[in-house]
Amino acid sequence: KAIEDAITICKPTHFNSTSLAGGCAVAAAVSEAMHSDATIDSVIRAGLAGAKYGDEYGCKEGRQLANPSVYKRIKLAVSIAERYQGDIERTMDELADIIGCGLSAAEAVPVSFGLLKACGNDTMKVIRAAVNIGNDTDTIATIVGAMAGTLNGPDEEMMNYLETINSVNGFDLKIVASGLEMLGGTLDAEMRDLCQDEFTQTKKDLEDLEQQLKILLLSK
């Protein structure tokens, strides 16, 4: 289901073999990480299965791009992490030099799995590694943060950042997360009511803003 959803999301703008391989790899990995018995290795295996499926689907139904295999590069990135196990700085250097950490899904996705293998049992450590690896750091940190964060769950250090993140960006991640739970039908009644109130107010604010813009345009 996670792979199917990833394909659906990619179709309008990224309906090609490389993007689908990357998107399906991450979707499958995060889905696996939600299981209580998941491990870093099981998450990586799920990611590889997703990458292989996404690439094959993209080549058959979408557009095949002239890019290297996301599937094989995930395997290569993981092998680099295994080779330099315990030395995160060396691992980061090798991943950046060999896999690359640029915009392409053939780089950003495999390097994320390499970092996950290197130190994915510590969510904040692996996010910091992604932030400091260079180039497309926001994408890489988001990918590996999603995988490691789902696998490990929240800890005190992560929660300490929450207020700052919400304040600086002007949103409430708890409401966002609860809204996603509500869509999945797993939210308790109290939080469901809270989310509904929040969504209703947001809709009203947007409608008010739209009306103000119309008035402004008519006055010109």
Protein backbone atom coordinates (compact mmCIF):
# COMPACT_ATOMS: atom_id res chain seq x y z
CA LYS A 1 0.00 0.00 0.00
CA ALA A 2 2.84 2.42 0.81
CA ILE A 3 4.42 1.73 -2.58
CA GLU A 4 1.09 2.20 -4.35
CA ASP A 5 0.58 5.53 -2.58
CA ALA A 6 4.11 6.66 -3.50
CA ILE A 7 3.44 5.90 -7.17
CA THR A 8 0.15 7.81 -7.05
CA ILE A 9 1.87 10.85 -5.53
CA CYS A 10 4.73 10.73 -8.05
CA LYS A 11 2.58 10.38 -11.16
CA PRO A 12 1.63 14.04 -11.74
CA THR A 13 5.18 15.44 -11.61
CA HIS A 14 7.78 12.65 -11.20
CA PHE A 15 6.52 9.77 -13.31
CA ASN A 16 9.91 8.33 -14.22
CA SER A 17 12.02 5.33 -13.27
CA THR A 18 14.49 7.17 -11.02
CA SER A 19 11.94 9.16 -9.03
CA LEU A 20 9.64 6.18 -8.61
CA ALA A 21 12.52 3.98 -7.48
CA GLY A 22 13.53 6.57 -4.88
CA GLY A 23 10.00 7.35 -3.74
CA CYS A 24 8.98 3.71 -3.44
CA ALA A 25 12.21 2.88 -1.59
CA VAL A 26 11.56 5.50 1.09
CA ALA A 27 7.85 4.71 1.35
CA ALA A 28 8.51 1.00 1.81
CA ALA A 29 11.29 1.68 4.32
CA VAL A 30 9.17 3.99 6.49
CA SER A 31 6.28 1.53 6.32
CA GLU A 32 8.54 -1.25 7.54
CA ALA A 33 9.96 0.98 10.28
CA MET A 34 6.47 1.30 11.78
CA HIS A 35 6.49 -2.37 12.80
CA SER A 36 7.43 -2.99 16.42
CA ASP A 37 9.99 -5.66 15.47
CA ALA A 38 11.63 -3.61 12.70
CA THR A 39 15.41 -3.23 12.60
CA ILE A 40 17.76 -1.10 10.53
CA ASP A 41 18.47 -4.09 8.31
CA SER A 42 14.77 -4.91 7.80
CA VAL A 43 14.11 -1.26 6.91
CA ILE A 44 16.93 -1.37 4.35
CA ARG A 45 15.60 -4.61 2.87
CA ALA A 46 12.17 -3.04 2.50
CA GLY A 47 13.76 -0.02 0.85
CA LEU A 48 15.58 -2.21 -1.64
CA ALA A 49 12.35 -4.03 -2.51
CA GLY A 50 10.62 -0.69 -3.01
CA ALA A 51 13.42 0.65 -5.19
CA LYS A 52 13.35 -2.41 -7.42
CA TYR A 53 9.57 -2.28 -7.82
CA GLY A 54 9.53 1.47 -8.46
CA ASP A 55 12.24 1.24 -11.10
CA GLU A 56 10.51 -1.61 -12.94
CA TYR A 57 7.15 0.17 -12.79
CA GLY A 58 8.67 3.43 -13.98
CA CYS A 59 10.40 1.80 -16.93
CA LYS A 60 7.22 0.00 -17.96
CA GLU A 61 4.52 2.60 -17.28
CA GLY A 62 6.37 5.92 -17.05
CA ARG A 63 9.62 7.21 -18.51
CA GLN A 64 12.98 5.53 -18.20
CA LEU A 65 15.67 8.07 -17.36
CA ALA A 66 19.36 7.81 -18.22
CA ASN A 67 20.37 7.47 -14.57
CA PRO A 68 22.14 4.78 -12.54
CA SER A 69 20.17 2.19 -10.59
CA VAL A 70 18.78 3.47 -7.28
CA TYR A 71 18.51 -0.15 -6.12
CA LYS A 72 22.17 -0.97 -6.76
CA ARG A 73 23.35 2.35 -5.34
CA ILE A 74 21.47 1.72 -2.09
CA LYS A 75 23.34 -1.58 -1.82
CA LEU A 76 26.62 0.21 -2.55
CA ALA A 77 25.90 2.93 0.02
CA VAL A 78 25.10 0.35 2.68
CA SER A 79 28.32 -1.54 1.91
CA ILE A 80 30.32 1.70 2.36
CA ALA A 81 28.71 2.23 5.76
CA GLU A 82 29.56 -1.33 6.74
CA ARG A 83 33.15 -0.91 5.59
CA TYR A 84 33.73 2.15 7.80
CA GLN A 85 31.49 1.08 10.68
CA GLY A 86 32.09 3.22 13.77
CA ASP A 87 33.73 6.06 11.82
CA ILE A 88 30.87 8.35 10.81
CA GLU A 89 33.15 11.09 9.45
CA ARG A 90 34.89 8.68 7.06
CA THR A 91 31.55 7.17 6.11
CA MET A 92 30.16 10.61 5.26
CA ASP A 93 33.20 11.46 3.14
CA GLU A 94 33.06 8.20 1.23
CA LEU A 95 29.31 8.41 0.67
CA ALA A 96 29.61 11.98 -0.59
CA ASP A 97 32.51 11.15 -2.92
CA ILE A 98 31.24 7.83 -4.30
CA ILE A 99 27.44 7.96 -4.11
CA GLY A 100 27.06 11.72 -4.19
CA CYS A 101 24.57 13.82 -2.25
CA GLY A 102 23.02 15.94 -4.97
CA LEU A 103 19.47 16.60 -6.12
CA SER A 104 18.91 13.38 -8.06
CA ALA A 105 17.03 10.57 -6.34
CA ALA A 106 19.87 8.34 -7.56
CA GLU A 107 22.10 10.18 -5.07
CA ALA A 108 19.93 11.54 -2.25
CA VAL A 109 18.03 8.31 -1.62
CA PRO A 110 20.97 5.86 -1.62
CA VAL A 111 23.11 8.14 0.56
CA SER A 112 20.22 8.33 3.04
CA PHE A 113 20.20 4.56 3.35
CA GLY A 114 23.97 4.58 3.78
CA LEU A 115 23.66 7.02 6.68
CA LEU A 116 20.84 4.96 8.15
CA LYS A 117 23.11 1.91 8.18
CA ALA A 118 25.96 3.93 9.68
CA CYS A 119 24.14 5.39 12.69
CA GLY A 120 20.40 4.98 12.22
CA ASN A 121 19.93 3.77 15.79
CA ASP A 122 20.46 7.38 16.94
CA THR A 123 17.95 9.62 15.19
CA MET A 124 19.48 12.99 16.00
CA LYS A 125 22.99 11.78 15.21
CA VAL A 126 21.97 10.56 11.76
CA ILE A 127 20.05 13.78 11.06
CA ARG A 128 23.12 15.83 12.01
CA ALA A 129 25.24 13.66 9.70
CA ALA A 130 22.78 14.31 6.86
CA VAL A 131 22.75 18.05 7.53
CA ASN A 132 26.54 18.16 7.40
CA ILE A 133 27.18 15.84 4.45
CA GLY A 134 26.79 18.68 1.95
CA ASN A 135 24.75 19.61 -1.13
CA ASP A 136 21.08 18.51 -0.94
CA THR A 137 21.15 18.26 2.84
CA ASP A 138 17.51 19.16 3.49
CA THR A 139 16.26 16.31 1.30
CA ILE A 140 18.71 13.78 2.73
CA ALA A 141 18.00 14.80 6.33
CA THR A 142 14.26 14.58 5.70
CA ILE A 143 14.54 11.10 4.19
CA VAL A 144 16.85 9.58 6.78
CA GLY A 145 15.06 11.45 9.57
CA ALA A 146 11.75 9.91 8.51
CA MET A 147 13.24 6.41 8.42
CA ALA A 148 15.21 6.65 11.67
CA GLY A 149 12.57 8.67 13.51
CA THR A 150 9.86 6.16 12.65
CA LEU A 151 12.11 3.26 13.60
CA ASN A 152 13.32 4.69 16.91
CA GLY A 153 10.37 6.81 17.98
CA PRO A 154 10.64 10.18 19.74
CA ASP A 155 13.16 10.89 22.48
CA GLU A 156 13.72 13.78 24.88
CA GLU A 157 16.25 15.56 22.67
CA MET A 158 13.91 15.48 19.68
CA MET A 159 10.97 16.79 21.71
CA ASN A 160 13.09 19.67 23.01
CA TYR A 161 13.37 20.97 19.44
CA LEU A 162 9.62 20.79 18.82
CA GLU A 163 8.65 24.15 20.33
CA THR A 164 11.38 25.98 18.40
CA ILE A 165 10.50 24.29 15.12
CA ASN A 166 6.81 25.10 15.55
CA SER A 167 7.52 28.70 16.54
CA VAL A 168 9.95 29.48 13.72
CA ASN A 169 7.82 27.88 11.02
CA GLY A 170 4.42 28.95 12.26
CA PHE A 171 2.77 25.57 12.52
CA ASP A 172 1.95 22.81 15.00
CA LEU A 173 3.57 19.49 14.12
CA LYS A 174 1.48 17.68 16.72
CA ILE A 175 -1.69 18.78 14.95
CA VAL A 176 -0.21 17.79 11.58
CA ALA A 177 0.78 14.34 12.89
CA SER A 178 -2.59 13.88 14.56
CA GLY A 179 -4.32 14.90 11.33
CA LEU A 180 -2.46 12.17 9.50
CA GLU A 181 -3.52 9.71 12.19
CA MET A 182 -7.09 10.89 11.77
CA LEU A 183 -6.93 10.15 8.05
CA GLY A 184 -5.73 6.66 8.94
CA GLY A 185 -8.59 6.16 11.38
CA THR A 186 -6.32 5.49 14.37
CA LEU A 187 -6.80 8.71 16.36
CA ASP A 188 -8.56 8.77 19.74
CA ALA A 189 -11.80 10.76 20.02
CA GLU A 190 -10.39 13.69 22.05
CA MET A 191 -7.54 14.38 19.64
CA ARG A 192 -9.88 13.89 16.66
CA ASP A 193 -12.13 16.66 17.97
CA LEU A 194 -9.13 18.92 18.56
CA CYS A 195 -7.88 18.36 15.02
CA GLN A 196 -11.30 18.96 13.55
CA ASP A 197 -11.56 22.29 15.39
CA GLU A 198 -8.09 23.28 14.18
CA PHE A 199 -8.86 22.35 10.57
CA THR A 200 -12.19 24.21 10.69
CA GLN A 201 -10.49 27.36 11.97
CA THR A 202 -7.76 27.10 9.32
CA LYS A 203 -10.39 26.76 6.59
CA LYS A 204 -12.22 29.82 7.92
CA ASP A 205 -8.99 31.84 8.02
CA LEU A 206 -8.25 30.93 4.40
CA GLU A 207 -11.76 31.88 3.33
CA ASP A 208 -11.43 35.25 5.11
CA LEU A 209 -8.08 35.84 3.42
CA GLU A 210 -9.55 34.98 0.02
CA GLN A 211 -12.38 37.47 0.59
CA GLN A 212 -9.93 40.21 1.62
CA LEU A 213 -7.88 39.61 -1.53
CA LYS A 214 -10.98 39.88 -3.70
CA ILE A 215 -11.90 43.18 -2.07
CA LEU A 216 -8.35 44.45 -2.57
CA LEU A 217 -8.35 43.48 -6.25
CA LEU A 218 -11.75 45.10 -6.87
CA SER A 219 -10.61 48.32 -5.26
CA LYS A 220 -7.77 48.75 -7.78
